[in-house]
């Protein structure tokens, strides 16, 4: 049915206004991450309809993306069928991350990898487990989380699924402490952002990755601080 939707509803190919919710500053931020981190692969959770995935594929690196909704998976799989560098997985993001990081991507675990996490949209919030899986296996991982509360800028939207499930600094604090993760927020004020103006946070494991992010003008350090 998702494959049929791709043909019947072409307007859905620009879901949320384009890549990264139609946010031009977020697009610029991601391009900056790609330029200065020189990753060997991109991993995404929460493919949805493949709008951002299509943008990620343009960098020419291997892109692995995971979608847990069968109809959305069918849409994205059809959309990305000609993208030779993209592999679309169907299933729970945690299960797929464990499998690919323990198997196919294991030789890359100590190299620069960028993760884009956007699989949070229902009562079962996988984000904390996703982060633990990633930082427990990848020594130079950089993670960009969508729909996250940006400290000191209320103009950015974020997800709130109830007590203990608000995407904010308190939610990631245990992961930051456990894996010695550096935390950064977008330096662009929400009033200067376009599109849906959803917040985000960028996390990095490893001193080298953290130092690179600290040098980027499109990022600012979070209150949780630079892990040393």
C-alpha atoms as a PDB file:
ATOM      1  CA  UNK A   1       0.000   0.000   0.000  1.00  0.00           C
ATOM      2  CA  UNK A   2       2.877   2.375   0.696  1.00  0.00           C
ATOM      3  CA  UNK A   3       4.265   1.740  -2.778  1.00  0.00           C
ATOM      4  CA  UNK A   4       0.854   2.579  -4.245  1.00  0.00           C
ATOM      5  CA  UNK A   5       0.711   5.736  -2.116  1.00  0.00           C
ATOM      6  CA  UNK A   6       4.003   6.847  -3.659  1.00  0.00           C
ATOM      7  CA  UNK A   7       2.381   6.819  -7.090  1.00  0.00           C
ATOM      8  CA  UNK A   8      -1.035   8.142  -6.054  1.00  0.00           C
ATOM      9  CA  UNK A   9       0.087  10.973  -3.782  1.00  0.00           C
ATOM     10  CA  UNK A  10       3.206  12.646  -5.229  1.00  0.00           C
ATOM     11  CA  UNK A  11       2.632  15.669  -2.988  1.00  0.00           C
ATOM     12  CA  UNK A  12       3.646  13.541   0.004  1.00  0.00           C
ATOM     13  CA  UNK A  13       7.199  13.405  -1.314  1.00  0.00           C
ATOM     14  CA  UNK A  14       7.776  16.839   0.225  1.00  0.00           C
ATOM     15  CA  UNK A  15       6.489  15.872   3.666  1.00  0.00           C
ATOM     16  CA  UNK A  16       7.125  18.463   6.396  1.00  0.00           C
ATOM     17  CA  UNK A  17       8.253  20.975   3.773  1.00  0.00           C
ATOM     18  CA  UNK A  18      11.363  19.120   2.636  1.00  0.00           C
ATOM     19  CA  UNK A  19      14.484  17.678   4.216  1.00  0.00           C
ATOM     20  CA  UNK A  20      14.869  18.329   7.953  1.00  0.00           C
ATOM     21  CA  UNK A  21      11.333  19.739   8.238  1.00  0.00           C
ATOM     22  CA  UNK A  22      12.048  22.368   5.596  1.00  0.00           C
ATOM     23  CA  UNK A  23      14.572  24.054   7.910  1.00  0.00           C
ATOM     24  CA  UNK A  24      17.336  25.724   5.893  1.00  0.00           C
ATOM     25  CA  UNK A  25      19.556  26.400   8.914  1.00  0.00           C
ATOM     26  CA  UNK A  26      19.326  22.718   9.879  1.00  0.00           C
ATOM     27  CA  UNK A  27      20.330  21.758   6.340  1.00  0.00           C
ATOM     28  CA  UNK A  28      23.330  24.089   6.586  1.00  0.00           C
ATOM     29  CA  UNK A  29      24.220  22.608   9.964  1.00  0.00           C
ATOM     30  CA  UNK A  30      24.162  19.077   8.585  1.00  0.00           C
ATOM     31  CA  UNK A  31      26.286  20.077   5.613  1.00  0.00           C
ATOM     32  CA  UNK A  32      28.782  21.550   8.066  1.00  0.00           C
ATOM     33  CA  UNK A  33      28.865  18.297  10.039  1.00  0.00           C
ATOM     34  CA  UNK A  34      29.517  16.357   6.861  1.00  0.00           C
ATOM     35  CA  UNK A  35      32.320  18.687   5.794  1.00  0.00           C
ATOM     36  CA  UNK A  36      34.240  18.790   9.054  1.00  0.00           C
ATOM     37  CA  UNK A  37      33.609  15.266  10.379  1.00  0.00           C
ATOM     38  CA  UNK A  38      34.183  13.401   7.080  1.00  0.00           C
ATOM     39  CA  UNK A  39      32.004  10.434   8.090  1.00  0.00           C
ATOM     40  CA  UNK A  40      32.197   7.088   6.329  1.00  0.00           C
ATOM     41  CA  UNK A  41      28.449   6.386   6.580  1.00  0.00           C
ATOM     42  CA  UNK A  42      25.118   7.901   7.657  1.00  0.00           C
ATOM     43  CA  UNK A  43      22.546   6.012   9.744  1.00  0.00           C
ATOM     44  CA  UNK A  44      18.977   7.252  10.161  1.00  0.00           C
ATOM     45  CA  UNK A  45      16.132   5.997  12.329  1.00  0.00           C
ATOM     46  CA  UNK A  46      12.594   7.075  11.452  1.00  0.00           C
ATOM     47  CA  UNK A  47      12.653   7.143   7.640  1.00  0.00           C
ATOM     48  CA  UNK A  48       8.983   8.193   7.445  1.00  0.00           C
ATOM     49  CA  UNK A  49       8.421   8.949   3.734  1.00  0.00           C
ATOM     50  CA  UNK A  50      12.101   9.279   2.853  1.00  0.00           C
ATOM     51  CA  UNK A  51      12.238  13.047   2.311  1.00  0.00           C
ATOM     52  CA  UNK A  52      15.296  13.635   4.500  1.00  0.00           C
ATOM     53  CA  UNK A  53      16.751  10.268   3.473  1.00  0.00           C
ATOM     54  CA  UNK A  54      16.777  11.415  -0.138  1.00  0.00           C
ATOM     55  CA  UNK A  55      18.779  14.471   0.919  1.00  0.00           C
ATOM     56  CA  UNK A  56      21.214  12.313   2.916  1.00  0.00           C
ATOM     57  CA  UNK A  57      21.750  10.092  -0.112  1.00  0.00           C
ATOM     58  CA  UNK A  58      23.011  13.043  -2.158  1.00  0.00           C
ATOM     59  CA  UNK A  59      26.294  13.030  -0.219  1.00  0.00           C
ATOM     60  CA  UNK A  60      27.177   9.764  -1.947  1.00  0.00           C
ATOM     61  CA  UNK A  61      28.007   7.857   1.246  1.00  0.00           C
ATOM     62  CA  UNK A  62      26.378   4.612   2.335  1.00  0.00           C
ATOM     63  CA  UNK A  63      23.058   5.474   4.002  1.00  0.00           C
ATOM     64  CA  UNK A  64      21.242   3.004   6.239  1.00  0.00           C
ATOM     65  CA  UNK A  65      17.729   3.983   7.320  1.00  0.00           C
ATOM     66  CA  UNK A  66      15.108   2.260   9.474  1.00  0.00           C
ATOM     67  CA  UNK A  67      11.305   2.606   9.419  1.00  0.00           C
ATOM     68  CA  UNK A  68       8.904   0.754  11.730  1.00  0.00           C
ATOM     69  CA  UNK A  69       5.587   1.659  10.076  1.00  0.00           C
ATOM     70  CA  UNK A  70       4.818  -0.797   7.238  1.00  0.00           C
ATOM     71  CA  UNK A  71       3.000   1.638   4.968  1.00  0.00           C
ATOM     72  CA  UNK A  72       5.635   4.360   5.411  1.00  0.00           C
ATOM     73  CA  UNK A  73       8.310   1.733   4.773  1.00  0.00           C
ATOM     74  CA  UNK A  74       6.638   0.789   1.483  1.00  0.00           C
ATOM     75  CA  UNK A  75       6.484   4.438   0.417  1.00  0.00           C
ATOM     76  CA  UNK A  76      10.125   5.122   1.291  1.00  0.00           C
ATOM     77  CA  UNK A  77      11.372   1.841  -0.183  1.00  0.00           C
ATOM     78  CA  UNK A  78       9.717   2.703  -3.488  1.00  0.00           C
ATOM     79  CA  UNK A  79      10.938   6.278  -3.419  1.00  0.00           C
ATOM     80  CA  UNK A  80      14.546   5.295  -2.762  1.00  0.00           C
ATOM     81  CA  UNK A  81      14.671   2.234  -5.012  1.00  0.00           C
ATOM     82  CA  UNK A  82      17.091   3.873  -7.491  1.00  0.00           C
ATOM     83  CA  UNK A  83      19.447   5.138  -4.779  1.00  0.00           C
ATOM     84  CA  UNK A  84      22.184   2.524  -4.906  1.00  0.00           C
ATOM     85  CA  UNK A  85      23.852   3.851  -1.759  1.00  0.00           C
ATOM     86  CA  UNK A  86      20.703   3.583   0.410  1.00  0.00           C
ATOM     87  CA  UNK A  87      19.477   0.514   2.299  1.00  0.00           C
ATOM     88  CA  UNK A  88      15.995   0.781   3.831  1.00  0.00           C
ATOM     89  CA  UNK A  89      15.276  -1.546   6.756  1.00  0.00           C
ATOM     90  CA  UNK A  90      11.835  -2.361   8.148  1.00  0.00           C
ATOM     91  CA  UNK A  91      11.590  -2.983  11.875  1.00  0.00           C
ATOM     92  CA  UNK A  92      12.157  -1.633  15.355  1.00  0.00           C
ATOM     93  CA  UNK A  93      15.004   0.882  15.320  1.00  0.00           C
ATOM     94  CA  UNK A  94      16.679  -0.621  18.390  1.00  0.00           C
ATOM     95  CA  UNK A  95      16.682  -4.127  16.972  1.00  0.00           C
ATOM     96  CA  UNK A  96      18.029  -2.992  13.614  1.00  0.00           C
ATOM     97  CA  UNK A  97      20.715  -0.781  15.167  1.00  0.00           C
ATOM     98  CA  UNK A  98      21.982  -3.645  17.318  1.00  0.00           C
ATOM     99  CA  UNK A  99      22.086  -5.980  14.351  1.00  0.00           C
ATOM    100  CA  UNK A 100      23.814  -3.695  11.849  1.00  0.00           C
ATOM    101  CA  UNK A 101      26.321  -2.304  14.359  1.00  0.00           C
ATOM    102  CA  UNK A 102      27.224  -5.808  15.555  1.00  0.00           C
ATOM    103  CA  UNK A 103      27.404  -7.217  12.017  1.00  0.00           C
ATOM    104  CA  UNK A 104      27.671  -5.258   8.762  1.00  0.00           C
ATOM    105  CA  UNK A 105      28.887  -1.944  10.218  1.00  0.00           C
ATOM    106  CA  UNK A 106      31.104  -3.453  12.895  1.00  0.00           C
ATOM    107  CA  UNK A 107      34.347  -2.804  10.924  1.00  0.00           C
ATOM    108  CA  UNK A 108      33.416   0.914  10.894  1.00  0.00           C
ATOM    109  CA  UNK A 109      32.721   1.184  14.641  1.00  0.00           C
ATOM    110  CA  UNK A 110      35.909   3.157  15.341  1.00  0.00           C
ATOM    111  CA  UNK A 111      35.506   5.487  12.367  1.00  0.00           C
ATOM    112  CA  UNK A 112      33.464   8.668  12.036  1.00  0.00           C
ATOM    113  CA  UNK A 113      29.743   7.886  11.748  1.00  0.00           C
ATOM    114  CA  UNK A 114      26.789  10.283  11.714  1.00  0.00           C
ATOM    115  CA  UNK A 115      23.426   9.193  13.110  1.00  0.00           C
ATOM    116  CA  UNK A 116      20.164  11.071  12.557  1.00  0.00           C
ATOM    117  CA  UNK A 117      17.522   9.915  15.066  1.00  0.00           C
ATOM    118  CA  UNK A 118      13.886  10.678  14.276  1.00  0.00           C
ATOM    119  CA  UNK A 119      12.040   7.482  15.237  1.00  0.00           C
ATOM    120  CA  UNK A 120      10.120   9.069  18.114  1.00  0.00           C
ATOM    121  CA  UNK A 121       6.441   9.509  17.360  1.00  0.00           C
ATOM    122  CA  UNK A 122       4.424   7.194  19.609  1.00  0.00           C
ATOM    123  CA  UNK A 123       4.117   5.988  23.198  1.00  0.00           C
ATOM    124  CA  UNK A 124       7.070   3.603  22.844  1.00  0.00           C
ATOM    125  CA  UNK A 125       9.975   6.055  22.897  1.00  0.00           C
ATOM    126  CA  UNK A 126      13.147   4.270  21.703  1.00  0.00           C
ATOM    127  CA  UNK A 127      15.544   7.228  21.890  1.00  0.00           C
ATOM    128  CA  UNK A 128      17.384   6.438  25.143  1.00  0.00           C
ATOM    129  CA  UNK A 129      18.019   2.854  24.029  1.00  0.00           C
ATOM    130  CA  UNK A 130      19.094   4.012  20.571  1.00  0.00           C
ATOM    131  CA  UNK A 131      21.678   6.312  22.143  1.00  0.00           C
ATOM    132  CA  UNK A 132      22.971   3.619  24.485  1.00  0.00           C
ATOM    133  CA  UNK A 133      23.320   1.193  21.576  1.00  0.00           C
ATOM    134  CA  UNK A 134      25.169   3.741  19.429  1.00  0.00           C
ATOM    135  CA  UNK A 135      27.549   5.174  22.011  1.00  0.00           C
ATOM    136  CA  UNK A 136      28.193   1.745  23.496  1.00  0.00           C
ATOM    137  CA  UNK A 137      29.430   0.461  20.144  1.00  0.00           C
ATOM    138  CA  UNK A 138      30.813   3.444  18.216  1.00  0.00           C
ATOM    139  CA  UNK A 139      33.804   5.321  19.618  1.00  0.00           C
ATOM    140  CA  UNK A 140      33.550   8.311  17.238  1.00  0.00           C
ATOM    141  CA  UNK A 141      29.794   8.622  16.773  1.00  0.00           C
ATOM    142  CA  UNK A 142      28.045  11.953  16.256  1.00  0.00           C
ATOM    143  CA  UNK A 143      24.267  11.959  16.726  1.00  0.00           C
ATOM    144  CA  UNK A 144      21.734  14.565  15.620  1.00  0.00           C
ATOM    145  CA  UNK A 145      18.341  14.202  17.348  1.00  0.00           C
ATOM    146  CA  UNK A 146      15.251  15.824  15.848  1.00  0.00           C
ATOM    147  CA  UNK A 147      12.344  17.329  17.829  1.00  0.00           C
ATOM    148  CA  UNK A 148      14.554  18.179  20.815  1.00  0.00           C
ATOM    149  CA  UNK A 149      14.148  21.089  23.205  1.00  0.00           C
ATOM    150  CA  UNK A 150      16.753  23.780  22.548  1.00  0.00           C
ATOM    151  CA  UNK A 151      18.003  25.386  25.742  1.00  0.00           C
ATOM    152  CA  UNK A 152      17.401  29.143  25.982  1.00  0.00           C
ATOM    153  CA  UNK A 153      15.316  29.286  22.805  1.00  0.00           C
ATOM    154  CA  UNK A 154      11.603  28.555  23.261  1.00  0.00           C
ATOM    155  CA  UNK A 155      10.867  29.224  19.593  1.00  0.00           C
ATOM    156  CA  UNK A 156      11.964  25.717  18.641  1.00  0.00           C
ATOM    157  CA  UNK A 157       9.361  22.960  18.971  1.00  0.00           C
ATOM    158  CA  UNK A 158      10.051  19.634  20.642  1.00  0.00           C
ATOM    159  CA  UNK A 159       8.303  16.373  21.526  1.00  0.00           C
ATOM    160  CA  UNK A 160       6.658  15.750  24.900  1.00  0.00           C
ATOM    161  CA  UNK A 161       5.203  12.281  25.506  1.00  0.00           C
ATOM    162  CA  UNK A 162       4.546  12.750  29.217  1.00  0.00           C
ATOM    163  CA  UNK A 163       6.577  12.345  32.417  1.00  0.00           C
ATOM    164  CA  UNK A 164      10.048  11.001  31.738  1.00  0.00           C
ATOM    165  CA  UNK A 165       9.492  11.203  27.987  1.00  0.00           C
ATOM    166  CA  UNK A 166      10.175  14.841  27.200  1.00  0.00           C
ATOM    167  CA  UNK A 167      12.956  15.282  24.661  1.00  0.00           C
ATOM    168  CA  UNK A 168      15.099  17.635  26.726  1.00  0.00           C
ATOM    169  CA  UNK A 169      18.450  17.758  28.534  1.00  0.00           C
ATOM    170  CA  UNK A 170      17.134  15.809  31.535  1.00  0.00           C
ATOM    171  CA  UNK A 171      16.165  12.922  29.255  1.00  0.00           C
ATOM    172  CA  UNK A 172      19.673  12.496  27.852  1.00  0.00           C
ATOM    173  CA  UNK A 173      21.555  13.293  31.086  1.00  0.00           C
ATOM    174  CA  UNK A 174      22.116   9.605  32.036  1.00  0.00           C
ATOM    175  CA  UNK A 175      23.521   8.840  28.580  1.00  0.00           C
ATOM    176  CA  UNK A 176      25.757  11.921  28.678  1.00  0.00           C
ATOM    177  CA  UNK A 177      27.192  10.836  32.016  1.00  0.00           C
ATOM    178  CA  UNK A 178      27.550   7.158  31.127  1.00  0.00           C
ATOM    179  CA  UNK A 179      29.306   7.631  27.784  1.00  0.00           C
ATOM    180  CA  UNK A 180      31.032  10.998  28.416  1.00  0.00           C
ATOM    181  CA  UNK A 181      29.126  12.654  25.609  1.00  0.00           C
ATOM    182  CA  UNK A 182      29.509  16.274  24.466  1.00  0.00           C
ATOM    183  CA  UNK A 183      26.259  18.222  23.946  1.00  0.00           C
ATOM    184  CA  UNK A 184      25.608  21.009  21.433  1.00  0.00           C
ATOM    185  CA  UNK A 185      22.581  23.013  20.302  1.00  0.00           C
ATOM    186  CA  UNK A 186      21.972  24.989  17.101  1.00  0.00           C
ATOM    187  CA  UNK A 187      23.465  28.470  17.298  1.00  0.00           C
ATOM    188  CA  UNK A 188      20.886  29.815  14.842  1.00  0.00           C
ATOM    189  CA  UNK A 189      18.062  31.523  16.715  1.00  0.00           C
ATOM    190  CA  UNK A 190      14.608  30.083  16.009  1.00  0.00           C
ATOM    191  CA  UNK A 191      13.445  33.418  14.565  1.00  0.00           C
ATOM    192  CA  UNK A 192      16.042  33.003  11.823  1.00  0.00           C
ATOM    193  CA  UNK A 193      15.072  29.407  11.049  1.00  0.00           C
ATOM    194  CA  UNK A 194      12.575  28.409   8.353  1.00  0.00           C
ATOM    195  CA  UNK A 195      10.106  25.553   7.951  1.00  0.00           C
ATOM    196  CA  UNK A 196       8.645  23.770  10.956  1.00  0.00           C
ATOM    197  CA  UNK A 197      11.253  25.173  13.372  1.00  0.00           C
ATOM    198  CA  UNK A 198      11.714  21.943  15.251  1.00  0.00           C
ATOM    199  CA  UNK A 199      14.553  21.832  17.743  1.00  0.00           C
ATOM    200  CA  UNK A 200      17.531  19.525  17.689  1.00  0.00           C
ATOM    201  CA  UNK A 201      20.606  18.563  19.670  1.00  0.00           C
ATOM    202  CA  UNK A 202      23.949  17.198  18.505  1.00  0.00           C
ATOM    203  CA  UNK A 203      25.825  14.692  20.657  1.00  0.00           C
ATOM    204  CA  UNK A 204      29.375  13.445  20.188  1.00  0.00           C
ATOM    205  CA  UNK A 205      31.447  10.711  21.748  1.00  0.00           C
ATOM    206  CA  UNK A 206      35.200  11.165  21.728  1.00  0.00           C
ATOM    207  CA  UNK A 207      37.380  14.194  22.435  1.00  0.00           C
ATOM    208  CA  UNK A 208      38.305  14.689  18.791  1.00  0.00           C
ATOM    209  CA  UNK A 209      34.697  14.754  17.609  1.00  0.00           C
ATOM    210  CA  UNK A 210      33.725  17.050  20.476  1.00  0.00           C
ATOM    211  CA  UNK A 211      36.506  19.498  19.652  1.00  0.00           C
ATOM    212  CA  UNK A 212      35.420  19.623  16.016  1.00  0.00           C
ATOM    213  CA  UNK A 213      31.832  20.378  16.964  1.00  0.00           C
ATOM    214  CA  UNK A 214      32.935  23.028  19.455  1.00  0.00           C
ATOM    215  CA  UNK A 215      34.687  24.841  16.606  1.00  0.00           C
ATOM    216  CA  UNK A 216      31.628  25.021  14.337  1.00  0.00           C
ATOM    217  CA  UNK A 217      29.894  28.436  14.272  1.00  0.00           C
ATOM    218  CA  UNK A 218      26.479  26.837  13.701  1.00  0.00           C
ATOM    219  CA  UNK A 219      26.645  25.069  17.090  1.00  0.00           C
ATOM    220  CA  UNK A 220      26.885  26.182  20.722  1.00  0.00           C
ATOM    221  CA  UNK A 221      27.713  24.096  23.782  1.00  0.00           C
ATOM    222  CA  UNK A 222      24.849  22.907  25.954  1.00  0.00           C
ATOM    223  CA  UNK A 223      24.563  23.441  29.693  1.00  0.00           C
ATOM    224  CA  UNK A 224      25.361  19.788  30.323  1.00  0.00           C
ATOM    225  CA  UNK A 225      28.802  20.821  29.169  1.00  0.00           C
ATOM    226  CA  UNK A 226      31.699  19.572  27.157  1.00  0.00           C
ATOM    227  CA  UNK A 227      32.619  16.120  28.426  1.00  0.00           C
ATOM    228  CA  UNK A 228      36.307  15.605  29.230  1.00  0.00           C
END
